[in-house]
Protein backbone atom coordinates (compact mmCIF):
# COMPACT_ATOMS: atom_id res chain seq x y z
CA MET A 1 -10.53 -3.86 0.10
CA ILE A 2 -6.99 -2.96 -0.98
CA THR A 3 -7.15 -0.69 -4.04
CA GLY A 4 -3.43 -0.41 -4.81
CA LEU A 5 0.07 0.48 -3.69
CA HIS A 6 -0.04 4.01 -2.28
CA HIS A 7 3.60 4.68 -1.35
CA THR A 8 6.89 3.21 -0.16
CA GLY A 9 8.59 4.73 2.87
CA LEU A 10 12.28 5.68 3.06
CA VAL A 11 14.23 6.86 6.12
CA VAL A 12 16.99 9.32 5.26
CA SER A 13 19.54 11.33 7.22
CA ASP A 14 19.07 14.55 5.23
CA LEU A 15 15.50 15.21 4.11
CA ASP A 16 16.26 18.26 1.97
CA ALA A 17 19.06 16.49 0.11
CA ALA A 18 16.85 13.43 -0.47
CA ILE A 19 14.05 15.60 -1.85
CA ALA A 20 16.50 17.29 -4.20
CA PHE A 21 17.75 13.92 -5.47
CA PHE A 22 14.37 12.25 -6.00
CA THR A 23 12.84 15.29 -7.71
CA SER A 24 15.89 15.94 -9.89
CA GLN A 25 14.75 13.80 -12.86
CA GLN A 26 11.02 14.65 -12.67
CA ALA A 27 10.33 11.16 -11.29
CA PHE A 28 8.67 12.69 -8.24
CA ALA A 29 7.30 16.03 -7.08
CA VAL A 30 6.64 17.18 -3.52
CA ALA A 31 2.96 16.67 -2.67
CA SER A 32 3.22 17.72 0.99
CA ARG A 33 5.65 18.30 3.84
CA PHE A 34 4.87 18.06 7.53
CA ASP A 35 6.34 17.36 10.96
CA LEU A 36 5.49 14.21 12.89
CA ALA A 37 5.00 14.96 16.58
CA ASP A 38 6.22 12.81 19.45
CA THR A 39 2.78 11.98 20.88
CA PRO A 40 1.75 8.81 22.75
CA GLU A 41 -0.53 7.95 19.83
CA ASN A 42 2.28 8.25 17.27
CA ARG A 43 4.68 6.29 19.48
CA ALA A 44 2.17 3.45 19.76
CA MET A 45 1.26 3.54 16.07
CA LEU A 46 4.92 3.38 14.98
CA GLN A 47 6.19 1.33 17.95
CA MET A 48 8.92 3.86 18.67
CA ASP A 49 10.19 5.64 21.77
CA ASP A 50 10.52 8.95 19.93
CA ALA A 51 8.31 9.61 16.91
CA ARG A 52 9.60 13.08 16.00
CA ALA A 53 10.33 13.36 12.29
CA ARG A 54 10.38 15.69 9.32
CA VAL A 55 8.36 14.10 6.52
CA ALA A 56 7.85 14.70 2.80
CA LEU A 57 5.37 12.87 0.58
CA LEU A 58 6.54 12.78 -3.03
CA ARG A 59 4.08 12.01 -5.79
CA GLY A 60 5.11 10.21 -8.96
CA THR A 61 3.28 8.71 -11.89
CA LEU A 62 1.45 5.59 -10.61
CA GLY A 63 3.17 5.60 -7.22
CA ALA A 64 4.57 7.73 -4.40
CA ILE A 65 7.38 7.64 -1.87
CA GLU A 66 7.38 9.07 1.65
CA LEU A 67 10.66 10.36 3.07
CA PHE A 68 11.31 10.49 6.83
CA GLU A 69 14.12 12.24 8.69
CA TYR A 70 13.71 11.05 12.29
CA SER A 71 15.14 13.06 15.15
CA ASP A 72 16.13 9.87 16.97
CA ALA A 73 17.78 7.87 14.21
CA GLY A 74 21.45 8.29 15.03
CA HIS A 75 21.62 5.15 17.20
CA CYS A 76 20.20 2.90 14.47
CA ALA A 77 22.74 0.64 12.81
CA ASN A 78 22.71 0.64 9.02
CA PRO A 79 21.01 -2.55 7.81
CA GLY A 80 22.38 -4.74 5.04
CA ARG A 81 21.74 -3.03 1.72
CA GLU A 82 23.03 -5.57 -0.76
CA VAL A 83 20.62 -6.61 -3.50
CA TYR A 84 20.29 -10.01 -1.77
CA SER A 85 19.78 -8.63 1.78
CA ALA A 86 16.41 -9.46 3.34
CA GLY A 87 13.95 -6.61 3.65
CA ILE A 88 12.23 -3.97 1.53
CA ARG A 89 15.08 -3.63 -0.92
CA HIS A 90 14.31 -1.26 -3.78
CA ILE A 91 11.76 0.62 -5.86
CA CYS A 92 11.72 0.53 -9.66
CA LEU A 93 11.23 3.42 -12.05
CA GLN A 94 10.52 2.79 -15.73
CA GLN A 95 10.98 4.90 -18.85
CA ASP A 96 11.73 4.31 -22.52
CA LEU A 97 14.85 2.43 -23.63
CA SER A 98 17.17 5.45 -23.54
CA ASP A 99 19.79 5.80 -20.79
CA SER A 100 18.80 9.39 -20.03
CA LEU A 101 17.30 8.61 -16.61
CA TYR A 102 20.41 6.70 -15.59
CA ASP A 103 22.72 9.48 -16.75
CA GLY A 104 20.60 12.10 -15.01
CA PHE A 105 20.56 10.33 -11.65
CA VAL A 106 24.32 9.68 -11.81
CA SER A 107 24.83 13.39 -12.46
CA ALA A 108 22.64 14.07 -9.41
CA GLY A 109 24.88 11.95 -7.17
CA ALA A 110 23.82 8.33 -7.69
CA ALA A 111 26.36 5.50 -7.83
CA SER A 112 26.23 2.35 -9.95
CA HIS A 113 28.40 -0.69 -10.69
CA SER A 114 27.36 -0.83 -14.36
CA ARG A 115 25.43 0.90 -17.09
CA PRO A 116 21.97 -0.33 -18.18
CA SER A 117 22.02 -3.68 -19.97
CA GLY A 118 19.59 -6.30 -21.24
CA LEU A 119 18.50 -9.73 -20.04
CA GLY A 120 16.97 -10.92 -23.29
CA THR A 121 13.52 -9.61 -22.38
CA GLY A 122 13.58 -6.53 -24.60
CA ASN A 123 13.96 -4.32 -21.53
CA SER A 124 17.08 -2.69 -20.09
CA TYR A 125 17.95 -2.92 -16.40
CA VAL A 126 20.32 -1.26 -13.96
CA TYR A 127 20.60 -0.84 -10.20
CA ILE A 128 21.72 2.53 -8.90
CA ARG A 129 22.19 3.79 -5.35
CA ASP A 130 21.04 7.16 -4.13
CA PRO A 131 23.56 9.34 -2.24
CA GLU A 132 22.68 7.49 1.01
CA GLY A 133 23.15 4.02 -0.53
CA ASN A 134 19.53 3.03 -1.10
CA ILE A 135 18.84 0.90 -4.19
CA ILE A 136 16.68 2.09 -7.08
CA GLU A 137 16.12 -0.03 -10.16
CA LEU A 138 15.83 1.77 -13.49
CA GLU A 139 14.12 -0.20 -16.22
CA GLY A 140 13.80 0.78 -19.87
CA VAL A 141 10.81 -0.70 -21.69
CA PRO A 142 10.05 -0.96 -25.42
CA TRP A 143 6.37 -0.21 -24.93
CA ALA A 144 6.80 3.26 -23.36
CA PRO A 145 3.99 5.51 -24.60
CA ALA A 146 4.93 8.60 -26.59
CA ALA A 147 2.90 10.69 -24.14
CA ALA A 148 5.23 9.75 -21.25
CA ASP A 149 7.56 12.69 -20.70
CA ARG A 150 8.91 11.56 -17.33
CA PRO A 151 9.62 8.21 -15.60
CA TRP A 152 6.92 6.29 -13.75
CA PHE A 153 6.70 4.06 -10.68
CA ALA A 154 6.68 0.34 -11.55
CA HIS A 155 7.16 -1.76 -8.41
CA THR A 156 8.51 -2.17 -4.89
CA ALA A 157 10.76 -5.18 -4.28
CA ILE A 158 11.07 -7.27 -1.11
CA VAL A 159 13.85 -9.80 -0.57
CA SER A 160 13.00 -12.74 1.71
CA PRO A 161 14.69 -15.87 3.07
CA ASP A 162 11.33 -17.61 2.47
CA MET A 163 9.79 -16.14 -0.67
CA PRO A 164 6.84 -18.56 -0.98
CA ARG A 165 5.71 -17.71 2.55
CA LEU A 166 6.01 -13.96 2.00
CA LEU A 167 4.33 -14.09 -1.40
CA ALA A 168 1.40 -15.97 0.14
CA PHE A 169 1.16 -13.39 2.93
CA TYR A 170 0.92 -10.42 0.56
CA ALA A 171 -1.52 -12.29 -1.66
CA LEU A 172 -3.74 -12.61 1.43
CA LEU A 173 -3.16 -9.00 2.45
CA THR A 174 -3.93 -7.51 -0.96
CA GLY A 175 -6.46 -10.06 -2.23
CA GLN A 176 -4.40 -10.64 -5.39
CA GLU A 177 -3.03 -13.85 -6.87
CA SER A 178 0.59 -14.23 -7.92
CA ALA A 179 1.04 -13.01 -11.50
CA ARG A 180 4.08 -15.16 -12.17
CA GLN A 181 7.09 -16.86 -10.56
CA GLY A 182 10.40 -18.13 -11.84
CA ALA A 183 13.98 -19.22 -11.12
CA PHE A 184 16.88 -17.23 -12.57
CA GLY A 185 20.63 -17.76 -13.07
CA PRO A 186 23.36 -18.63 -13.27
CA ASP A 187 23.87 -16.43 -16.32
CA PRO A 188 26.44 -13.68 -17.00
CA LYS A 189 23.60 -11.30 -17.92
CA PHE A 190 22.14 -11.56 -14.40
CA ASP A 191 25.63 -11.26 -12.87
CA ARG A 192 26.14 -7.97 -14.70
CA VAL A 193 22.85 -6.45 -13.52
CA ALA A 194 23.17 -7.70 -9.91
CA GLY A 195 26.88 -7.02 -9.66
CA ILE A 196 27.40 -10.53 -8.22
CA ALA A 197 29.26 -13.49 -9.71
CA ASP A 198 27.23 -16.68 -10.34
CA VAL A 199 24.07 -15.13 -8.85
CA ARG A 200 21.01 -17.40 -8.55
CA PHE A 201 17.60 -16.40 -7.26
CA ASP A 202 13.86 -17.03 -7.36
CA GLY A 203 11.38 -14.29 -8.22
CA GLY A 204 7.66 -13.72 -7.86
CA TRP A 205 5.23 -10.90 -8.64
CA LEU A 206 1.86 -9.64 -7.39
CA ARG A 207 0.08 -7.21 -9.70
CA LEU A 208 -1.92 -4.39 -8.10
CA SER A 209 -4.00 -1.81 -9.94
CA ASN A 210 -1.25 0.80 -10.27
CA ALA A 211 2.02 -1.05 -9.63
CA GLU A 212 3.49 -4.42 -8.71
CA LEU A 213 5.05 -6.05 -5.69
CA GLU A 214 8.21 -7.96 -6.59
CA PHE A 215 9.66 -10.73 -4.41
CA TRP A 216 13.16 -12.22 -4.48
CA GLN A 217 14.91 -15.01 -2.65
CA TYR A 218 18.60 -15.34 -3.43
CA HIS A 219 20.36 -18.69 -3.31
CA GLN A 220 23.81 -17.51 -4.42
CA PRO A 221 24.63 -15.60 -2.31
CA PRO A 222 21.87 -16.77 0.07
CA THR A 223 19.31 -14.42 1.56
CA THR A 224 19.36 -14.96 5.32
CA PRO A 225 16.89 -13.85 8.02
CA VAL A 226 17.56 -10.51 9.72
CA ALA A 227 16.53 -8.99 13.03
CA ARG A 228 13.37 -6.87 13.06
CA GLN A 229 14.14 -3.27 12.22
CA ALA A 230 12.63 -0.24 13.93
CA LEU A 231 10.76 2.18 11.70
CA ASN A 232 13.47 4.80 12.12
CA THR A 233 16.17 2.48 10.71
CA PRO A 234 17.75 4.09 7.62
CA GLY A 235 16.63 2.76 4.25
CA TRP A 236 13.42 1.58 2.59
CA ASN A 237 11.31 0.89 5.66
CA HIS A 238 7.63 0.26 4.89
CA ILE A 239 5.09 -0.34 2.13
CA CYS A 240 1.73 1.44 2.24
CA PHE A 241 -1.40 0.05 0.60
CA GLU A 242 -4.55 2.08 0.06
CA SER A 243 -7.83 0.71 1.41
CA ASP A 244 -11.37 1.80 0.58
CA ASP A 245 -12.72 0.32 3.86
CA LEU A 246 -10.03 0.27 6.53
CA GLU A 247 -12.30 -0.97 9.31
CA ALA A 248 -13.27 -4.00 7.21
CA ASP A 249 -9.64 -4.66 6.31
CA TYR A 250 -8.67 -4.33 9.97
CA ARG A 251 -11.24 -6.95 10.99
CA ARG A 252 -10.08 -9.21 8.15
CA LEU A 253 -6.43 -9.01 9.20
CA VAL A 254 -7.30 -9.61 12.85
CA SER A 255 -9.31 -12.69 11.87
CA HIS A 256 -6.21 -14.10 10.14
CA GLY A 257 -4.00 -13.41 13.16
CA ILE A 258 -1.78 -10.90 11.36
CA GLU A 259 0.47 -8.87 13.64
CA LEU A 260 -0.72 -5.26 13.89
CA HIS A 261 0.60 -2.29 15.86
CA GLY A 262 -2.93 -1.43 16.87
CA PRO A 263 -6.36 -0.48 15.50
CA PRO A 264 -6.85 2.19 12.80
CA GLN A 265 -5.89 5.72 13.81
CA ASP A 266 -7.13 9.04 12.44
CA VAL A 267 -4.11 11.16 11.47
CA GLY A 268 -6.12 14.08 10.09
CA SER A 269 -5.76 13.63 6.34
CA ALA A 270 -6.23 9.85 6.46
CA THR A 271 -6.92 6.86 8.67
CA VAL A 272 -4.03 4.42 8.96
CA LEU A 273 -2.78 1.27 10.65
CA PHE A 274 0.59 -0.44 10.74
CA GLY A 275 1.57 -4.08 11.01
CA ARG A 276 4.33 -6.59 10.34
CA ASP A 277 4.66 -9.29 7.72
CA PRO A 278 6.12 -12.75 8.59
CA ASP A 279 9.67 -11.48 7.92
CA GLY A 280 9.16 -8.51 10.25
CA ASN A 281 8.85 -5.88 7.50
CA VAL A 282 6.42 -3.06 8.25
CA PHE A 283 3.34 -2.51 6.12
CA GLU A 284 0.79 0.29 6.35
CA LEU A 285 -2.85 0.44 5.30
CA LEU A 286 -4.20 3.90 4.55
CA GLN A 287 -7.70 5.15 3.80
CA PRO A 288 -7.50 8.71 2.40
CA GLY A 289 -9.75 11.36 3.85
CA GLN A 290 -12.58 12.95 1.91
CA GLY A 291 -11.24 15.02 -0.98
CA ALA A 292 -7.67 13.74 -0.73
CA ALA A 293 -5.63 14.62 -3.81
CA LEU A 294 -3.11 11.79 -3.60
CA THR A 295 -4.95 8.51 -4.09
CA VAL A 296 -4.36 5.41 -6.19
CA LYS A 297 -7.34 6.31 -8.36
CA ALA A 298 -6.03 9.84 -8.94
CA MET A 299 -2.59 8.52 -9.88
CA ILE A 300 -4.08 6.09 -12.41
CA GLU A 301 -6.42 8.71 -13.89
CA GLU A 302 -3.74 11.38 -14.27
CA ARG A 303 -2.85 11.94 -17.96
CA GLN A 304 0.50 10.15 -17.96
CA GLY A 305 -0.81 7.47 -15.60
CA ARG A 306 -3.57 6.63 -18.09
CA ALA A 307 -1.12 6.56 -21.01
CA VAL A 308 1.27 4.20 -19.21
CA ASP A 309 -1.54 1.93 -18.00
CA ILE A 310 -3.01 1.62 -21.51
CA ALA A 311 0.40 0.89 -23.06
CA ARG A 312 1.50 -1.70 -20.50
CA THR A 313 -1.90 -3.45 -20.61
CA ALA A 314 -1.59 -3.80 -24.38
CA TRP A 315 1.98 -5.10 -24.01
CA ARG A 316 0.93 -7.69 -21.41
CA LYS A 317 -1.81 -8.92 -23.73
CA GLN A 318 0.74 -9.32 -26.52
CA LEU A 319 3.05 -11.24 -24.19
CA ALA A 320 0.22 -13.51 -23.10
CA ALA A 321 -0.60 -14.18 -26.76
CA GLY A 322 3.06 -14.85 -27.56
CA VAL A 323 3.27 -11.91 -29.96
CA ALA A 324 5.79 -9.69 -28.16
CA GLY A 325 8.32 -12.38 -27.32
CA GLN A 326 9.51 -13.35 -23.85
């Protein structure tokens, strides 16, 4: 069974610079660093001709990111990185309604087309780009708990030319039902956040125990299909879900005909498998080894993780009851 969203993978050209950026605002801290060897097993698992990479796993509140600097990444063309481009497009960090996180990341080298602004939801929103051009959404929320002294991981977003199909796939993969769906735009408020005139798009969400999956399909400008990307292509490149029984999940995925790179593999600290969704995006399932420190449960039970989870659960209940507005 899938227990939550473990991490989102990002391929970078300069691992040390990326670590410095993502740890600069206390959003993440280095949990581990290691080298990935170019073995036949790793080549098969990742479907690559050269698997050599320097890797860093960064832990945040309620979610993690894994940074890869591949030795053989120079030949990879940069994929489309517009907000409407198909693929794993951004992660979202939340905090209170101040602009301090935005200002801090800009000081650390991020770029942005606008400052945080509202959409009438009570939240503030802004897209920034890290020094390598990867998108991060920063969201200010009115329900931020007083105990939260640093930002927390909220969701990973995937843009698709066929959102209903992809949403159904991840509902099957995770065992969760769609939390909500909607159509958005045209509206100047959305144009300002997206940085696009007359933007129109559909959105959908799947809620996991620690974070959400967010899905977008843009109609203006349209999201179009893209070629399958190798795992060493620069940018956000895979989503990892934690499993408490990887063998059972493997059999379940095989029974549904889901494309997998191969059976589960023991990588020392965990057992993992990789596969592809209907759009060609890579997903990973991971079952932590005995005594692993970085697990979905540990992230939820950490002090700030508990405080955020309690506060957002209360806010969702108010929304459902019509007390907190839209």
